[in-house]
C-alpha atoms as a PDB file:
ATOM      1  CA  MET A   1       0.118   0.084  -0.469  1.00  0.00           C
ATOM      2  CA  PRO A   2       1.061   3.089  -1.137  1.00  0.00           C
ATOM      3  CA  SER A   3       2.779   5.483   1.919  1.00  0.00           C
ATOM      4  CA  HIS A   4       0.755   8.313   1.629  1.00  0.00           C
ATOM      5  CA  ILE A   5      -3.014   5.957   1.804  1.00  0.00           C
ATOM      6  CA  LYS A   6      -1.444   4.445   4.875  1.00  0.00           C
ATOM      7  CA  PHE A   7      -0.982   8.245   6.201  1.00  0.00           C
ATOM      8  CA  ARG A   8      -4.386   9.240   5.257  1.00  0.00           C
ATOM      9  CA  GLU A   9      -5.524   6.257   7.154  1.00  0.00           C
ATOM     10  CA  LYS A  10      -3.617   7.357  10.769  1.00  0.00           C
ATOM     11  CA  TYR A  11      -4.160  10.716  10.293  1.00  0.00           C
ATOM     12  CA  ASN A  12      -7.846  12.534  10.210  1.00  0.00           C
ATOM     13  CA  GLU A  13      -7.367  16.046   7.696  1.00  0.00           C
ATOM     14  CA  THR A  14      -6.424  18.439  10.487  1.00  0.00           C
ATOM     15  CA  GLN A  15      -3.409  15.984  11.829  1.00  0.00           C
ATOM     16  CA  SER A  16      -2.099  15.427   8.574  1.00  0.00           C
ATOM     17  CA  ARG A  17      -1.704  19.311   7.616  1.00  0.00           C
ATOM     18  CA  LEU A  18      -0.403  19.964  11.197  1.00  0.00           C
ATOM     19  CA  ILE A  19       2.333  17.269   9.819  1.00  0.00           C
ATOM     20  CA  THR A  20       3.023  19.108   6.759  1.00  0.00           C
ATOM     21  CA  TYR A  21       2.794  22.325   8.243  1.00  0.00           C
ATOM     22  CA  LEU A  22       5.681  20.818  10.918  1.00  0.00           C
ATOM     23  CA  ARG A  23       7.574  19.083   8.111  1.00  0.00           C
ATOM     24  CA  LYS A  24       7.985  22.288   6.221  1.00  0.00           C
ATOM     25  CA  GLY A  25       8.962  24.420   9.295  1.00  0.00           C
ATOM     26  CA  LEU A  26      11.194  21.933  10.410  1.00  0.00           C
ATOM     27  CA  GLU A  27      13.085  21.902   6.679  1.00  0.00           C
ATOM     28  CA  SER A  28      12.888  25.377   7.360  1.00  0.00           C
ATOM     29  CA  GLY A  29      15.008  25.535  10.762  1.00  0.00           C
ATOM     30  CA  ARG A  30      12.907  25.758  12.763  1.00  0.00           C
ATOM     31  CA  HIS A  31      11.639  23.834  16.106  1.00  0.00           C
ATOM     32  CA  TYR A  32       9.468  25.893  17.846  1.00  0.00           C
ATOM     33  CA  PHE A  33       5.501  26.645  16.738  1.00  0.00           C
ATOM     34  CA  LYS A  34       3.183  28.579  18.751  1.00  0.00           C
ATOM     35  CA  SER A  35      -0.306  27.214  18.591  1.00  0.00           C
ATOM     36  CA  LYS A  36      -1.704  30.722  17.796  1.00  0.00           C
ATOM     37  CA  TYR A  37       0.796  31.197  15.200  1.00  0.00           C
ATOM     38  CA  ILE A  38      -0.011  27.496  14.005  1.00  0.00           C
ATOM     39  CA  ALA A  39      -4.196  28.555  13.782  1.00  0.00           C
ATOM     40  CA  LYS A  40      -3.432  31.308  11.658  1.00  0.00           C
ATOM     41  CA  ASP A  41      -1.896  29.540   9.133  1.00  0.00           C
ATOM     42  CA  LEU A  42      -3.616  26.602   9.218  1.00  0.00           C
ATOM     43  CA  GLY A  43      -6.962  28.910   9.244  1.00  0.00           C
ATOM     44  CA  LEU A  44      -8.207  26.906  12.782  1.00  0.00           C
ATOM     45  CA  SER A  45      -8.370  27.622  15.816  1.00  0.00           C
ATOM     46  CA  SER A  46      -6.205  27.334  18.582  1.00  0.00           C
ATOM     47  CA  LYS A  47      -7.759  24.799  20.748  1.00  0.00           C
ATOM     48  CA  GLU A  48      -8.380  22.822  17.785  1.00  0.00           C
ATOM     49  CA  VAL A  49      -4.606  23.203  17.033  1.00  0.00           C
ATOM     50  CA  GLY A  50      -4.133  22.028  20.700  1.00  0.00           C
ATOM     51  CA  THR A  51      -6.037  18.878  20.525  1.00  0.00           C
ATOM     52  CA  ASN A  52      -4.999  17.359  17.939  1.00  0.00           C
ATOM     53  CA  MET A  53      -0.671  18.491  18.374  1.00  0.00           C
ATOM     54  CA  ALA A  54      -1.694  16.334  21.680  1.00  0.00           C
ATOM     55  CA  ILE A  55      -2.789  13.806  19.988  1.00  0.00           C
ATOM     56  CA  LEU A  56       0.128  13.457  17.733  1.00  0.00           C
ATOM     57  CA  ALA A  57       2.879  13.890  20.621  1.00  0.00           C
ATOM     58  CA  GLU A  58       1.243  10.753  20.867  1.00  0.00           C
ATOM     59  CA  ILE A  59       0.638   8.990  18.193  1.00  0.00           C
ATOM     60  CA  CYS A  60       3.100   9.983  15.335  1.00  0.00           C
ATOM     61  CA  GLN A  61       5.832   8.156  14.868  1.00  0.00           C
ATOM     62  CA  GLU A  62       7.320  10.943  11.981  1.00  0.00           C
ATOM     63  CA  LEU A  63       7.651  13.011  14.570  1.00  0.00           C
ATOM     64  CA  THR A  64       8.776  14.159  18.363  1.00  0.00           C
ATOM     65  CA  ILE A  65       6.156  16.652  19.230  1.00  0.00           C
ATOM     66  CA  VAL A  66       6.671  17.931  22.949  1.00  0.00           C
ATOM     67  CA  LYS A  67       4.251  20.536  24.889  1.00  0.00           C
ATOM     68  CA  TRP A  68       6.924  23.067  25.617  1.00  0.00           C
ATOM     69  CA  SER A  69       5.552  25.899  27.510  1.00  0.00           C
ATOM     70  CA  TYR A  70       3.085  28.205  27.821  1.00  0.00           C
ATOM     71  CA  SER A  71       3.602  32.282  27.486  1.00  0.00           C
ATOM     72  CA  ASN A  72       0.151  33.306  25.292  1.00  0.00           C
ATOM     73  CA  SER A  73       0.178  30.033  23.872  1.00  0.00           C
ATOM     74  CA  THR A  74       1.796  27.092  24.053  1.00  0.00           C
ATOM     75  CA  THR A  75       5.001  26.343  22.156  1.00  0.00           C
ATOM     76  CA  TRP A  76       5.308  22.909  20.348  1.00  0.00           C
ATOM     77  CA  MET A  77       8.801  21.552  20.498  1.00  0.00           C
ATOM     78  CA  VAL A  78       8.940  19.673  17.470  1.00  0.00           C
ATOM     79  CA  SER A  79      11.884  17.157  15.561  1.00  0.00           C
ATOM     80  CA  PRO A  80      12.299  14.229  13.073  1.00  0.00           C
ATOM     81  CA  VAL A  81      12.342  10.970  14.612  1.00  0.00           C
ATOM     82  CA  LYS A  82      15.906   9.625  14.171  1.00  0.00           C
ATOM     83  CA  SER A  83      15.745   6.063  12.948  1.00  0.00           C
END
């Protein structure tokens, strides 16, 4: 089965969009992401972002996602999973 089909089955649409967003951020050298800015960029609410990021922190095998701090918005530390 192609990897993009497995990816869609594992994550809902919002989670897939978040992972794509986070990967692009990592490619540009970012490792810290604030929920409010993710929400603004993706047209989501901060609550949607926070809920889905917490789920991804538990189930995402492609990225390591850690709730890092809270200052005006939750900050998430994201890094690729090392093989």
